[in-house]
Structure formats: C-alpha cells, structure tokens
PDB file of all heavy atoms in Angstrom:
ATOM      1  N   ILE A   1       9.820   4.400  -2.611  1.00  0.00           N
ATOM      2  CA  ILE A   1       9.957   5.072  -3.912  1.00  0.00           C
ATOM      3  C   ILE A   1       9.033   4.413  -4.940  1.00  0.00           C
ATOM      4  O   ILE A   1       8.354   5.097  -5.710  1.00  0.00           O
ATOM      5  CB  ILE A   1      11.422   5.042  -4.390  1.00  0.00           C
ATOM      6  CG1 ILE A   1      12.274   5.932  -3.485  1.00  0.00           C
ATOM      7  CG2 ILE A   1      11.533   5.483  -5.844  1.00  0.00           C
ATOM      8  CD1 ILE A   1      13.759   5.777  -3.678  1.00  0.00           C
ATOM      9  N   ALA A   2       8.995   3.083  -4.937  1.00  0.00           N
ATOM     10  CA  ALA A   2       8.135   2.365  -5.893  1.00  0.00           C
ATOM     11  C   ALA A   2       6.663   2.690  -5.666  1.00  0.00           C
ATOM     12  O   ALA A   2       5.912   2.895  -6.618  1.00  0.00           O
ATOM     13  CB  ALA A   2       8.382   0.864  -5.771  1.00  0.00           C
ATOM     14  N   ILE A   3       6.248   2.752  -4.406  1.00  0.00           N
ATOM     15  CA  ILE A   3       4.850   3.079  -4.099  1.00  0.00           C
ATOM     16  C   ILE A   3       4.517   4.509  -4.518  1.00  0.00           C
ATOM     17  O   ILE A   3       3.415   4.774  -4.990  1.00  0.00           O
ATOM     18  CB  ILE A   3       4.547   2.842  -2.611  1.00  0.00           C
ATOM     19  CG1 ILE A   3       4.539   1.343  -2.322  1.00  0.00           C
ATOM     20  CG2 ILE A   3       3.207   3.459  -2.215  1.00  0.00           C
ATOM     21  CD1 ILE A   3       4.429   0.996  -0.864  1.00  0.00           C
ATOM     22  N   GLN A   4       5.465   5.406  -4.376  1.00  0.00           N
ATOM     23  CA  GLN A   4       5.238   6.785  -4.819  1.00  0.00           C
ATOM     24  C   GLN A   4       5.009   6.836  -6.327  1.00  0.00           C
ATOM     25  O   GLN A   4       4.231   7.646  -6.810  1.00  0.00           O
ATOM     26  CB  GLN A   4       6.434   7.663  -4.442  1.00  0.00           C
ATOM     27  CG  GLN A   4       6.527   7.944  -2.972  1.00  0.00           C
ATOM     28  CD  GLN A   4       7.818   8.638  -2.586  1.00  0.00           C
ATOM     29  OE1 GLN A   4       8.824   8.569  -3.291  1.00  0.00           O
ATOM     30  NE2 GLN A   4       7.793   9.304  -1.445  1.00  0.00           N
ATOM     31  N   ARG A   5       5.688   5.964  -7.047  1.00  0.00           N
ATOM     32  CA  ARG A   5       5.542   5.939  -8.506  1.00  0.00           C
ATOM     33  C   ARG A   5       4.310   5.165  -8.957  1.00  0.00           C
ATOM     34  O   ARG A   5       3.685   5.503  -9.949  1.00  0.00           O
ATOM     35  CB  ARG A   5       6.786   5.345  -9.150  1.00  0.00           C
ATOM     36  CG  ARG A   5       7.961   6.257  -8.991  1.00  0.00           C
ATOM     37  CD  ARG A   5       9.108   5.803  -9.783  1.00  0.00           C
ATOM     38  NE  ARG A   5      10.209   6.760  -9.616  1.00  0.00           N
ATOM     39  CZ  ARG A   5      11.343   6.651 -10.228  1.00  0.00           C
ATOM     40  NH1 ARG A   5      11.567   5.659 -11.038  1.00  0.00           N
ATOM     41  NH2 ARG A   5      12.273   7.551 -10.026  1.00  0.00           N
ATOM     42  N   ASP A   6       4.005   4.080  -8.227  1.00  0.00           N
ATOM     43  CA  ASP A   6       2.832   3.273  -8.580  1.00  0.00           C
ATOM     44  C   ASP A   6       2.342   2.557  -7.326  1.00  0.00           C
ATOM     45  O   ASP A   6       2.952   1.585  -6.884  1.00  0.00           O
ATOM     46  CB  ASP A   6       3.179   2.263  -9.664  1.00  0.00           C
ATOM     47  CG  ASP A   6       1.961   1.505 -10.178  1.00  0.00           C
ATOM     48  OD1 ASP A   6       0.856   1.656  -9.600  1.00  0.00           O
ATOM     49  OD2 ASP A   6       2.107   0.760 -11.160  1.00  0.00           O
ATOM     50  N   TYR A   7       1.253   3.030  -6.788  1.00  0.00           N
ATOM     51  CA  TYR A   7       0.725   2.499  -5.527  1.00  0.00           C
ATOM     52  C   TYR A   7       0.394   1.009  -5.603  1.00  0.00           C
ATOM     53  O   TYR A   7       0.331   0.320  -4.598  1.00  0.00           O
ATOM     54  CB  TYR A   7      -0.501   3.290  -5.076  1.00  0.00           C
ATOM     55  CG  TYR A   7      -1.631   3.286  -6.070  1.00  0.00           C
ATOM     56  CD1 TYR A   7      -2.537   2.252  -6.100  1.00  0.00           C
ATOM     57  CD2 TYR A   7      -1.785   4.325  -6.978  1.00  0.00           C
ATOM     58  CE1 TYR A   7      -3.576   2.237  -7.014  1.00  0.00           C
ATOM     59  CE2 TYR A   7      -2.810   4.318  -7.892  1.00  0.00           C
ATOM     60  CZ  TYR A   7      -3.698   3.272  -7.912  1.00  0.00           C
ATOM     61  OH  TYR A   7      -4.717   3.259  -8.821  1.00  0.00           O
ATOM     62  N   LYS A   8       0.199   0.469  -6.802  1.00  0.00           N
ATOM     63  CA  LYS A   8      -0.162  -0.944  -6.947  1.00  0.00           C
ATOM     64  C   LYS A   8       0.963  -1.889  -6.532  1.00  0.00           C
ATOM     65  O   LYS A   8       0.723  -3.060  -6.278  1.00  0.00           O
ATOM     66  CB  LYS A   8      -0.599  -1.226  -8.374  1.00  0.00           C
ATOM     67  CG  LYS A   8      -1.878  -0.501  -8.737  1.00  0.00           C
ATOM     68  CD  LYS A   8      -2.230  -0.714 -10.180  1.00  0.00           C
ATOM     69  CE  LYS A   8      -3.319   0.259 -10.584  1.00  0.00           C
ATOM     70  NZ  LYS A   8      -3.140   0.727 -11.928  1.00  0.00           N
ATOM     71  N   VAL A   9       2.171  -1.373  -6.429  1.00  0.00           N
ATOM     72  CA  VAL A   9       3.309  -2.161  -5.962  1.00  0.00           C
ATOM     73  C   VAL A   9       3.015  -2.737  -4.576  1.00  0.00           C
ATOM     74  O   VAL A   9       3.499  -3.814  -4.224  1.00  0.00           O
ATOM     75  CB  VAL A   9       4.590  -1.282  -5.930  1.00  0.00           C
ATOM     76  CG1 VAL A   9       5.726  -1.965  -5.186  1.00  0.00           C
ATOM     77  CG2 VAL A   9       5.001  -0.922  -7.344  1.00  0.00           C
ATOM     78  N   PHE A  10       2.199  -2.043  -3.816  1.00  0.00           N
ATOM     79  CA  PHE A  10       1.878  -2.469  -2.457  1.00  0.00           C
ATOM     80  C   PHE A  10       1.395  -3.916  -2.412  1.00  0.00           C
ATOM     81  O   PHE A  10       1.739  -4.673  -1.510  1.00  0.00           O
ATOM     82  CB  PHE A  10       0.817  -1.540  -1.858  1.00  0.00           C
ATOM     83  CG  PHE A  10       0.480  -1.840  -0.435  1.00  0.00           C
ATOM     84  CD1 PHE A  10       1.252  -1.323   0.589  1.00  0.00           C
ATOM     85  CD2 PHE A  10      -0.599  -2.641  -0.103  1.00  0.00           C
ATOM     86  CE1 PHE A  10       0.964  -1.586   1.917  1.00  0.00           C
ATOM     87  CE2 PHE A  10      -0.905  -2.920   1.214  1.00  0.00           C
ATOM     88  CZ  PHE A  10      -0.120  -2.394   2.227  1.00  0.00           C
ATOM     89  N   SER A  11       0.623  -4.314  -3.390  1.00  0.00           N
ATOM     90  CA  SER A  11       0.061  -5.668  -3.392  1.00  0.00           C
ATOM     91  C   SER A  11       1.122  -6.743  -3.610  1.00  0.00           C
ATOM     92  O   SER A  11       0.859  -7.921  -3.362  1.00  0.00           O
ATOM     93  CB  SER A  11      -1.046  -5.791  -4.442  1.00  0.00           C
ATOM     94  OG  SER A  11      -0.504  -5.621  -5.732  1.00  0.00           O
ATOM     95  N   LEU A  12       2.310  -6.370  -4.044  1.00  0.00           N
ATOM     96  CA  LEU A  12       3.393  -7.325  -4.270  1.00  0.00           C
ATOM     97  C   LEU A  12       4.284  -7.518  -3.043  1.00  0.00           C
ATOM     98  O   LEU A  12       5.132  -8.403  -3.034  1.00  0.00           O
ATOM     99  CB  LEU A  12       4.269  -6.864  -5.440  1.00  0.00           C
ATOM    100  CG  LEU A  12       3.571  -6.652  -6.777  1.00  0.00           C
ATOM    101  CD1 LEU A  12       4.543  -6.049  -7.772  1.00  0.00           C
ATOM    102  CD2 LEU A  12       3.006  -7.960  -7.297  1.00  0.00           C
ATOM    103  N   LEU A  13       4.079  -6.715  -2.037  1.00  0.00           N
ATOM    104  CA  LEU A  13       4.975  -6.729  -0.876  1.00  0.00           C
ATOM    105  C   LEU A  13       4.675  -7.871   0.075  1.00  0.00           C
ATOM    106  O   LEU A  13       3.564  -8.400   0.109  1.00  0.00           O
ATOM    107  CB  LEU A  13       4.855  -5.408  -0.122  1.00  0.00           C
ATOM    108  CG  LEU A  13       5.181  -4.149  -0.916  1.00  0.00           C
ATOM    109  CD1 LEU A  13       4.957  -2.922  -0.045  1.00  0.00           C
ATOM    110  CD2 LEU A  13       6.596  -4.191  -1.454  1.00  0.00           C
ATOM    111  N   LYS A  14       5.675  -8.199   0.856  1.00  0.00           N
ATOM    112  CA  LYS A  14       5.494  -9.176   1.932  1.00  0.00           C
ATOM    113  C   LYS A  14       4.597  -8.574   3.006  1.00  0.00           C
ATOM    114  O   LYS A  14       4.510  -7.356   3.161  1.00  0.00           O
ATOM    115  CB  LYS A  14       6.845  -9.515   2.564  1.00  0.00           C
ATOM    116  CG  LYS A  14       7.779 -10.272   1.670  1.00  0.00           C
ATOM    117  CD  LYS A  14       9.065 -10.540   2.425  1.00  0.00           C
ATOM    118  CE  LYS A  14      10.063 -11.282   1.582  1.00  0.00           C
ATOM    119  NZ  LYS A  14      11.312 -11.523   2.307  1.00  0.00           N
ATOM    120  N   TYR A  15       3.968  -9.438   3.769  1.00  0.00           N
ATOM    121  CA  TYR A  15       3.061  -9.010   4.836  1.00  0.00           C
ATOM    122  C   TYR A  15       3.735  -8.023   5.798  1.00  0.00           C
ATOM    123  O   TYR A  15       3.148  -7.012   6.169  1.00  0.00           O
ATOM    124  CB  TYR A  15       2.560 -10.245   5.599  1.00  0.00           C
ATOM    125  CG  TYR A  15       1.651  -9.917   6.752  1.00  0.00           C
ATOM    126  CD1 TYR A  15       0.319  -9.591   6.522  1.00  0.00           C
ATOM    127  CD2 TYR A  15       2.122  -9.921   8.062  1.00  0.00           C
ATOM    128  CE1 TYR A  15      -0.531  -9.280   7.570  1.00  0.00           C
ATOM    129  CE2 TYR A  15       1.276  -9.606   9.113  1.00  0.00           C
ATOM    130  CZ  TYR A  15      -0.037  -9.292   8.864  1.00  0.00           C
ATOM    131  OH  TYR A  15      -0.865  -8.973   9.906  1.00  0.00           O
ATOM    132  N   GLU A  16       4.963  -8.313   6.176  1.00  0.00           N
ATOM    133  CA  GLU A  16       5.680  -7.437   7.117  1.00  0.00           C
ATOM    134  C   GLU A  16       5.863  -6.039   6.543  1.00  0.00           C
ATOM    135  O   GLU A  16       5.758  -5.052   7.255  1.00  0.00           O
ATOM    136  CB  GLU A  16       7.053  -8.025   7.476  1.00  0.00           C
ATOM    137  CG  GLU A  16       6.992  -9.331   8.218  1.00  0.00           C
ATOM    138  CD  GLU A  16       6.783 -10.543   7.300  1.00  0.00           C
ATOM    139  OE1 GLU A  16       7.033 -10.453   6.078  1.00  0.00           O
ATOM    140  OE2 GLU A  16       6.326 -11.567   7.817  1.00  0.00           O
ATOM    141  N   GLN A  17       6.152  -5.961   5.245  1.00  0.00           N
ATOM    142  CA  GLN A  17       6.327  -4.658   4.611  1.00  0.00           C
ATOM    143  C   GLN A  17       4.999  -3.926   4.484  1.00  0.00           C
ATOM    144  O   GLN A  17       4.947  -2.710   4.644  1.00  0.00           O
ATOM    145  CB  GLN A  17       6.981  -4.812   3.240  1.00  0.00           C
ATOM    146  CG  GLN A  17       8.445  -5.189   3.323  1.00  0.00           C
ATOM    147  CD  GLN A  17       9.011  -5.482   1.960  1.00  0.00           C
ATOM    148  OE1 GLN A  17       8.481  -6.300   1.220  1.00  0.00           O
ATOM    149  NE2 GLN A  17      10.098  -4.810   1.634  1.00  0.00           N
ATOM    150  N   GLN A  18       3.941  -4.644   4.199  1.00  0.00           N
ATOM    151  CA  GLN A  18       2.633  -4.016   4.096  1.00  0.00           C
ATOM    152  C   GLN A  18       2.197  -3.423   5.434  1.00  0.00           C
ATOM    153  O   GLN A  18       1.413  -2.492   5.471  1.00  0.00           O
ATOM    154  CB  GLN A  18       1.583  -5.016   3.621  1.00  0.00           C
ATOM    155  CG  GLN A  18       1.747  -5.427   2.195  1.00  0.00           C
ATOM    156  CD  GLN A  18       0.766  -6.497   1.786  1.00  0.00           C
ATOM    157  OE1 GLN A  18       0.248  -7.237   2.616  1.00  0.00           O
ATOM    158  NE2 GLN A  18       0.517  -6.591   0.491  1.00  0.00           N
ATOM    159  N   ASN A  19       2.700  -3.951   6.504  1.00  0.00           N
ATOM    160  CA  ASN A  19       2.339  -3.467   7.831  1.00  0.00           C
ATOM    161  C   ASN A  19       3.362  -2.507   8.425  1.00  0.00           C
ATOM    162  O   ASN A  19       3.180  -2.033   9.543  1.00  0.00           O
ATOM    163  CB  ASN A  19       2.118  -4.655   8.773  1.00  0.00           C
ATOM    164  CG  ASN A  19       0.802  -5.323   8.476  1.00  0.00           C
ATOM    165  OD1 ASN A  19      -0.233  -4.871   8.923  1.00  0.00           O
ATOM    166  ND2 ASN A  19       0.825  -6.365   7.673  1.00  0.00           N
ATOM    167  N   ASP A  20       4.421  -2.222   7.692  1.00  0.00           N
ATOM    168  CA  ASP A  20       5.399  -1.234   8.126  1.00  0.00           C
ATOM    169  C   ASP A  20       4.742   0.141   8.109  1.00  0.00           C
ATOM    170  O   ASP A  20       4.092   0.522   7.139  1.00  0.00           O
ATOM    171  CB  ASP A  20       6.612  -1.261   7.187  1.00  0.00           C
ATOM    172  CG  ASP A  20       7.647  -0.233   7.564  1.00  0.00           C
ATOM    173  OD1 ASP A  20       8.472  -0.540   8.436  1.00  0.00           O
ATOM    174  OD2 ASP A  20       7.605   0.888   6.992  1.00  0.00           O
ATOM    175  N   ARG A  21       4.913   0.879   9.188  1.00  0.00           N
ATOM    176  CA  ARG A  21       4.219   2.167   9.331  1.00  0.00           C
ATOM    177  C   ARG A  21       4.546   3.146   8.196  1.00  0.00           C
ATOM    178  O   ARG A  21       3.657   3.778   7.645  1.00  0.00           O
ATOM    179  CB  ARG A  21       4.532   2.777  10.689  1.00  0.00           C
ATOM    180  CG  ARG A  21       3.681   3.999  10.965  1.00  0.00           C
ATOM    181  CD  ARG A  21       3.592   4.278  12.451  1.00  0.00           C
ATOM    182  NE  ARG A  21       2.698   5.361  12.726  1.00  0.00           N
ATOM    183  CZ  ARG A  21       1.385   5.248  12.918  1.00  0.00           C
ATOM    184  NH1 ARG A  21       0.824   4.068  12.867  1.00  0.00           N
ATOM    185  NH2 ARG A  21       0.629   6.284  13.163  1.00  0.00           N
ATOM    186  N   GLU A  22       5.808   3.276   7.837  1.00  0.00           N
ATOM    187  CA  GLU A  22       6.188   4.229   6.790  1.00  0.00           C
ATOM    188  C   GLU A  22       5.679   3.784   5.416  1.00  0.00           C
ATOM    189  O   GLU A  22       5.233   4.610   4.623  1.00  0.00           O
ATOM    190  CB  GLU A  22       7.704   4.423   6.767  1.00  0.00           C
ATOM    191  CG  GLU A  22       8.212   5.236   7.935  1.00  0.00           C
ATOM    192  CD  GLU A  22       7.535   6.610   8.049  1.00  0.00           C
ATOM    193  OE1 GLU A  22       7.435   7.327   7.032  1.00  0.00           O
ATOM    194  OE2 GLU A  22       7.098   6.952   9.158  1.00  0.00           O
ATOM    195  N   VAL A  23       5.754   2.508   5.148  1.00  0.00           N
ATOM    196  CA  VAL A  23       5.254   1.977   3.872  1.00  0.00           C
ATOM    197  C   VAL A  23       3.739   2.185   3.792  1.00  0.00           C
ATOM    198  O   VAL A  23       3.223   2.674   2.783  1.00  0.00           O
ATOM    199  CB  VAL A  23       5.622   0.485   3.717  1.00  0.00           C
ATOM    200  CG1 VAL A  23       4.904  -0.130   2.522  1.00  0.00           C
ATOM    201  CG2 VAL A  23       7.131   0.320   3.580  1.00  0.00           C
ATOM    202  N   LEU A  24       3.052   1.857   4.867  1.00  0.00           N
ATOM    203  CA  LEU A  24       1.597   2.017   4.883  1.00  0.00           C
ATOM    204  C   LEU A  24       1.195   3.486   4.778  1.00  0.00           C
ATOM    205  O   LEU A  24       0.227   3.830   4.097  1.00  0.00           O
ATOM    206  CB  LEU A  24       1.022   1.391   6.155  1.00  0.00           C
ATOM    207  CG  LEU A  24      -0.491   1.316   6.256  1.00  0.00           C
ATOM    208  CD1 LEU A  24      -1.094   0.617   5.048  1.00  0.00           C
ATOM    209  CD2 LEU A  24      -0.889   0.603   7.529  1.00  0.00           C
ATOM    210  N   LYS A  25       1.966   4.344   5.407  1.00  0.00           N
ATOM    211  CA  LYS A  25       1.685   5.784   5.316  1.00  0.00           C
ATOM    212  C   LYS A  25       1.804   6.258   3.868  1.00  0.00           C
ATOM    213  O   LYS A  25       0.918   6.954   3.361  1.00  0.00           O
ATOM    214  CB  LYS A  25       2.661   6.551   6.212  1.00  0.00           C
ATOM    215  CG  LYS A  25       2.487   8.032   6.173  1.00  0.00           C
ATOM    216  CD  LYS A  25       3.490   8.722   7.077  1.00  0.00           C
ATOM    217  CE  LYS A  25       3.400  10.222   6.966  1.00  0.00           C
ATOM    218  NZ  LYS A  25       4.436  10.891   7.761  1.00  0.00           N
ATOM    219  N   GLN A  26       2.882   5.865   3.195  1.00  0.00           N
ATOM    220  CA  GLN A  26       3.066   6.279   1.799  1.00  0.00           C
ATOM    221  C   GLN A  26       1.988   5.690   0.903  1.00  0.00           C
ATOM    222  O   GLN A  26       1.474   6.351   0.014  1.00  0.00           O
ATOM    223  CB  GLN A  26       4.453   5.876   1.298  1.00  0.00           C
ATOM    224  CG  GLN A  26       4.769   6.420  -0.063  1.00  0.00           C
ATOM    225  CD  GLN A  26       4.680   7.929  -0.122  1.00  0.00           C
ATOM    226  OE1 GLN A  26       5.290   8.630   0.656  1.00  0.00           O
ATOM    227  NE2 GLN A  26       3.907   8.452  -1.049  1.00  0.00           N
ATOM    228  N   PHE A  27       1.633   4.449   1.151  1.00  0.00           N
ATOM    229  CA  PHE A  27       0.571   3.812   0.372  1.00  0.00           C
ATOM    230  C   PHE A  27      -0.751   4.546   0.573  1.00  0.00           C
ATOM    231  O   PHE A  27      -1.484   4.805  -0.389  1.00  0.00           O
ATOM    232  CB  PHE A  27       0.454   2.338   0.772  1.00  0.00           C
ATOM    233  CG  PHE A  27      -0.694   1.629   0.118  1.00  0.00           C
ATOM    234  CD1 PHE A  27      -0.766   1.505  -1.258  1.00  0.00           C
ATOM    235  CD2 PHE A  27      -1.704   1.077   0.883  1.00  0.00           C
ATOM    236  CE1 PHE A  27      -1.828   0.839  -1.864  1.00  0.00           C
ATOM    237  CE2 PHE A  27      -2.763   0.418   0.290  1.00  0.00           C
ATOM    238  CZ  PHE A  27      -2.822   0.299  -1.084  1.00  0.00           C
ATOM    239  N   SER A  28      -1.055   4.907   1.803  1.00  0.00           N
ATOM    240  CA  SER A  28      -2.300   5.626   2.110  1.00  0.00           C
ATOM    241  C   SER A  28      -2.366   6.950   1.382  1.00  0.00           C
ATOM    242  O   SER A  28      -3.424   7.352   0.904  1.00  0.00           O
ATOM    243  CB  SER A  28      -2.406   5.875   3.614  1.00  0.00           C
ATOM    244  OG  SER A  28      -2.362   4.679   4.322  1.00  0.00           O
ATOM    245  N   ILE A  29      -1.243   7.612   1.281  1.00  0.00           N
ATOM    246  CA  ILE A  29      -1.176   8.911   0.614  1.00  0.00           C
ATOM    247  C   ILE A  29      -1.312   8.748  -0.899  1.00  0.00           C
ATOM    248  O   ILE A  29      -1.962   9.544  -1.571  1.00  0.00           O
ATOM    249  CB  ILE A  29       0.142   9.637   0.968  1.00  0.00           C
ATOM    250  CG1 ILE A  29       0.143  10.018   2.444  1.00  0.00           C
ATOM    251  CG2 ILE A  29       0.363  10.848   0.078  1.00  0.00           C
ATOM    252  CD1 ILE A  29       1.489  10.474   2.961  1.00  0.00           C
ATOM    253  N   SER A  30      -0.708   7.699  -1.436  1.00  0.00           N
ATOM    254  CA  SER A  30      -0.623   7.521  -2.886  1.00  0.00           C
ATOM    255  C   SER A  30      -1.843   6.866  -3.523  1.00  0.00           C
ATOM    256  O   SER A  30      -2.207   7.184  -4.646  1.00  0.00           O
ATOM    257  CB  SER A  30       0.609   6.670  -3.230  1.00  0.00           C
ATOM    258  OG  SER A  30       1.781   7.279  -2.756  1.00  0.00           O
ATOM    259  N   ALA A  31      -2.453   5.947  -2.819  1.00  0.00           N
ATOM    260  CA  ALA A  31      -3.526   5.140  -3.423  1.00  0.00           C
ATOM    261  C   ALA A  31      -4.885   5.819  -3.345  1.00  0.00           C
ATOM    262  O   ALA A  31      -5.191   6.486  -2.360  1.00  0.00           O
ATOM    263  CB  ALA A  31      -3.607   3.792  -2.722  1.00  0.00           C
ATOM    264  N   PRO A  32      -5.716   5.626  -4.354  1.00  0.00           N
ATOM    265  CA  PRO A  32      -7.093   6.080  -4.242  1.00  0.00           C
ATOM    266  C   PRO A  32      -7.814   5.230  -3.187  1.00  0.00           C
ATOM    267  O   PRO A  32      -7.409   4.101  -2.899  1.00  0.00           O
ATOM    268  CB  PRO A  32      -7.685   5.843  -5.627  1.00  0.00           C
ATOM    269  CG  PRO A  32      -6.717   5.041  -6.375  1.00  0.00           C
ATOM    270  CD  PRO A  32      -5.431   5.018  -5.640  1.00  0.00           C
ATOM    271  N   PHE A  33      -8.857   5.766  -2.628  1.00  0.00           N
ATOM    272  CA  PHE A  33      -9.547   5.093  -1.536  1.00  0.00           C
ATOM    273  C   PHE A  33      -9.986   3.676  -1.900  1.00  0.00           C
ATOM    274  O   PHE A  33      -9.809   2.740  -1.128  1.00  0.00           O
ATOM    275  CB  PHE A  33     -10.758   5.904  -1.070  1.00  0.00           C
ATOM    276  CG  PHE A  33     -11.543   5.178  -0.023  1.00  0.00           C
ATOM    277  CD1 PHE A  33     -11.068   5.116   1.273  1.00  0.00           C
ATOM    278  CD2 PHE A  33     -12.730   4.528  -0.333  1.00  0.00           C
ATOM    279  CE1 PHE A  33     -11.767   4.425   2.257  1.00  0.00           C
ATOM    280  CE2 PHE A  33     -13.437   3.837   0.643  1.00  0.00           C
ATOM    281  CZ  PHE A  33     -12.947   3.789   1.940  1.00  0.00           C
ATOM    282  N   GLU A  34     -10.574   3.515  -3.067  1.00  0.00           N
ATOM    283  CA  GLU A  34     -11.098   2.212  -3.457  1.00  0.00           C
ATOM    284  C   GLU A  34     -10.009   1.143  -3.437  1.00  0.00           C
ATOM    285  O   GLU A  34     -10.217   0.024  -2.961  1.00  0.00           O
ATOM    286  CB  GLU A  34     -11.752   2.271  -4.839  1.00  0.00           C
ATOM    287  CG  GLU A  34     -13.025   3.075  -4.887  1.00  0.00           C
ATOM    288  CD  GLU A  34     -12.797   4.582  -5.027  1.00  0.00           C
ATOM    289  OE1 GLU A  34     -11.632   5.048  -4.957  1.00  0.00           O
ATOM    290  OE2 GLU A  34     -13.793   5.295  -5.201  1.00  0.00           O
ATOM    291  N   TYR A  35      -8.820   1.486  -3.926  1.00  0.00           N
ATOM    292  CA  TYR A  35      -7.716   0.522  -3.940  1.00  0.00           C
ATOM    293  C   TYR A  35      -7.205   0.286  -2.518  1.00  0.00           C
ATOM    294  O   TYR A  35      -6.937  -0.850  -2.134  1.00  0.00           O
ATOM    295  CB  TYR A  35      -6.578   1.019  -4.840  1.00  0.00           C
ATOM    296  CG  TYR A  35      -5.573  -0.054  -5.142  1.00  0.00           C
ATOM    297  CD1 TYR A  35      -5.800  -0.965  -6.161  1.00  0.00           C
ATOM    298  CD2 TYR A  35      -4.404  -0.181  -4.401  1.00  0.00           C
ATOM    299  CE1 TYR A  35      -4.888  -1.969  -6.434  1.00  0.00           C
ATOM    300  CE2 TYR A  35      -3.491  -1.182  -4.665  1.00  0.00           C
ATOM    301  CZ  TYR A  35      -3.737  -2.070  -5.687  1.00  0.00           C
ATOM    302  OH  TYR A  35      -2.844  -3.071  -5.941  1.00  0.00           O
ATOM    303  N   PHE A  36      -7.076   1.362  -1.752  1.00  0.00           N
ATOM    304  CA  PHE A  36      -6.635   1.209  -0.370  1.00  0.00           C
ATOM    305  C   PHE A  36      -7.589   0.294   0.389  1.00  0.00           C
ATOM    306  O   PHE A  36      -7.172  -0.619   1.090  1.00  0.00           O
ATOM    307  CB  PHE A  36      -6.539   2.563   0.343  1.00  0.00           C
ATOM    308  CG  PHE A  36      -6.196   2.406   1.792  1.00  0.00           C
ATOM    309  CD1 PHE A  36      -4.883   2.316   2.192  1.00  0.00           C
ATOM    310  CD2 PHE A  36      -7.194   2.292   2.740  1.00  0.00           C
ATOM    311  CE1 PHE A  36      -4.560   2.112   3.525  1.00  0.00           C
ATOM    312  CE2 PHE A  36      -6.885   2.092   4.083  1.00  0.00           C
ATOM    313  CZ  PHE A  36      -5.562   2.007   4.470  1.00  0.00           C
ATOM    314  N   TYR A  37      -8.870   0.535   0.250  1.00  0.00           N
ATOM    315  CA  TYR A  37      -9.866  -0.240   0.995  1.00  0.00           C
ATOM    316  C   TYR A  37      -9.867  -1.710   0.562  1.00  0.00           C
ATOM    317  O   TYR A  37     -10.000  -2.606   1.386  1.00  0.00           O
ATOM    318  CB  TYR A  37     -11.251   0.381   0.821  1.00  0.00           C
ATOM    319  CG  TYR A  37     -12.224  -0.059   1.877  1.00  0.00           C
ATOM    320  CD1 TYR A  37     -12.075   0.386   3.193  1.00  0.00           C
ATOM    321  CD2 TYR A  37     -13.277  -0.909   1.585  1.00  0.00           C
ATOM    322  CE1 TYR A  37     -12.966  -0.016   4.182  1.00  0.00           C
ATOM    323  CE2 TYR A  37     -14.166  -1.314   2.566  1.00  0.00           C
ATOM    324  CZ  TYR A  37     -14.006  -0.864   3.863  1.00  0.00           C
ATOM    325  OH  TYR A  37     -14.877  -1.262   4.844  1.00  0.00           O
ATOM    326  N   ALA A  38      -9.683  -1.960  -0.722  1.00  0.00           N
ATOM    327  CA  ALA A  38      -9.592  -3.343  -1.206  1.00  0.00           C
ATOM    328  C   ALA A  38      -8.384  -4.043  -0.584  1.00  0.00           C
ATOM    329  O   ALA A  38      -8.477  -5.202  -0.157  1.00  0.00           O
ATOM    330  CB  ALA A  38      -9.493  -3.367  -2.723  1.00  0.00           C
ATOM    331  N   CYS A  39      -7.266  -3.350  -0.496  1.00  0.00           N
ATOM    332  CA  CYS A  39      -6.076  -3.924   0.139  1.00  0.00           C
ATOM    333  C   CYS A  39      -6.290  -4.086   1.638  1.00  0.00           C
ATOM    334  O   CYS A  39      -5.842  -5.074   2.228  1.00  0.00           O
ATOM    335  CB  CYS A  39      -4.853  -3.055  -0.130  1.00  0.00           C
ATOM    336  SG  CYS A  39      -4.282  -3.162  -1.835  1.00  0.00           S
ATOM    337  N   PHE A  40      -6.975  -3.147   2.240  1.00  0.00           N
ATOM    338  CA  PHE A  40      -7.286  -3.250   3.668  1.00  0.00           C
ATOM    339  C   PHE A  40      -8.056  -4.538   3.950  1.00  0.00           C
ATOM    340  O   PHE A  40      -7.740  -5.277   4.880  1.00  0.00           O
ATOM    341  CB  PHE A  40      -8.101  -2.016   4.097  1.00  0.00           C
ATOM    342  CG  PHE A  40      -8.700  -2.121   5.465  1.00  0.00           C
ATOM    343  CD1 PHE A  40      -7.911  -1.995   6.591  1.00  0.00           C
ATOM    344  CD2 PHE A  40     -10.057  -2.340   5.615  1.00  0.00           C
ATOM    345  CE1 PHE A  40      -8.468  -2.091   7.870  1.00  0.00           C
ATOM    346  CE2 PHE A  40     -10.624  -2.436   6.878  1.00  0.00           C
ATOM    347  CZ  PHE A  40      -9.831  -2.316   8.008  1.00  0.00           C
ATOM    348  N   LEU A  41      -9.028  -4.830   3.124  1.00  0.00           N
ATOM    349  CA  LEU A  41      -9.834  -6.040   3.310  1.00  0.00           C
ATOM    350  C   LEU A  41      -9.064  -7.309   2.925  1.00  0.00           C
ATOM    351  O   LEU A  41      -9.162  -8.328   3.601  1.00  0.00           O
ATOM    352  CB  LEU A  41     -11.115  -5.952   2.492  1.00  0.00           C
ATOM    353  CG  LEU A  41     -12.095  -4.856   2.899  1.00  0.00           C
ATOM    354  CD1 LEU A  41     -13.247  -4.784   1.914  1.00  0.00           C
ATOM    355  CD2 LEU A  41     -12.584  -5.063   4.310  1.00  0.00           C
ATOM    356  N   SER A  42      -8.280  -7.228   1.866  1.00  0.00           N
ATOM    357  CA  SER A  42      -7.589  -8.413   1.355  1.00  0.00           C
ATOM    358  C   SER A  42      -6.351  -8.804   2.162  1.00  0.00           C
ATOM    359  O   SER A  42      -6.097  -9.981   2.373  1.00  0.00           O
ATOM    360  CB  SER A  42      -7.146  -8.184  -0.092  1.00  0.00           C
ATOM    361  OG  SER A  42      -8.248  -7.943  -0.901  1.00  0.00           O
ATOM    362  N   PHE A  43      -5.589  -7.805   2.581  1.00  0.00           N
ATOM    363  CA  PHE A  43      -4.292  -8.086   3.196  1.00  0.00           C
ATOM    364  C   PHE A  43      -4.272  -7.872   4.710  1.00  0.00           C
ATOM    365  O   PHE A  43      -3.235  -7.986   5.339  1.00  0.00           O
ATOM    366  CB  PHE A  43      -3.198  -7.233   2.548  1.00  0.00           C
ATOM    367  CG  PHE A  43      -3.069  -7.448   1.071  1.00  0.00           C
ATOM    368  CD1 PHE A  43      -3.225  -6.386   0.191  1.00  0.00           C
ATOM    369  CD2 PHE A  43      -2.799  -8.704   0.551  1.00  0.00           C
ATOM    370  CE1 PHE A  43      -3.107  -6.576  -1.175  1.00  0.00           C
ATOM    371  CE2 PHE A  43      -2.675  -8.902  -0.815  1.00  0.00           C
ATOM    372  CZ  PHE A  43      -2.825  -7.834  -1.687  1.00  0.00           C
TER     373      PHE A  43
END
C-alpha cells in the first residue's frame, strides 16, 4: 500500500522485502524507470 502511494518507500525496506516478488512487482509498476534502475543498481 505504501509503495502504491509513494514508490520511494521502497528504498526504506529491508533487503528481504525489496526482493519479495509481490513488493518488487508493485514497485516496478509504480516507479518511473530512472528510479527503478537506480534502485536496481544500488540494492
């Protein structure tokens, strides 16, 4: 729900949550490419 409201919440999550399939799916849908790609490289 938080990611749906603000995709930047993703950067605050624990590693396990960032790699959860449903969380990552919602983040992919919500975030602009540039932010997604930065998180892909960083996390």
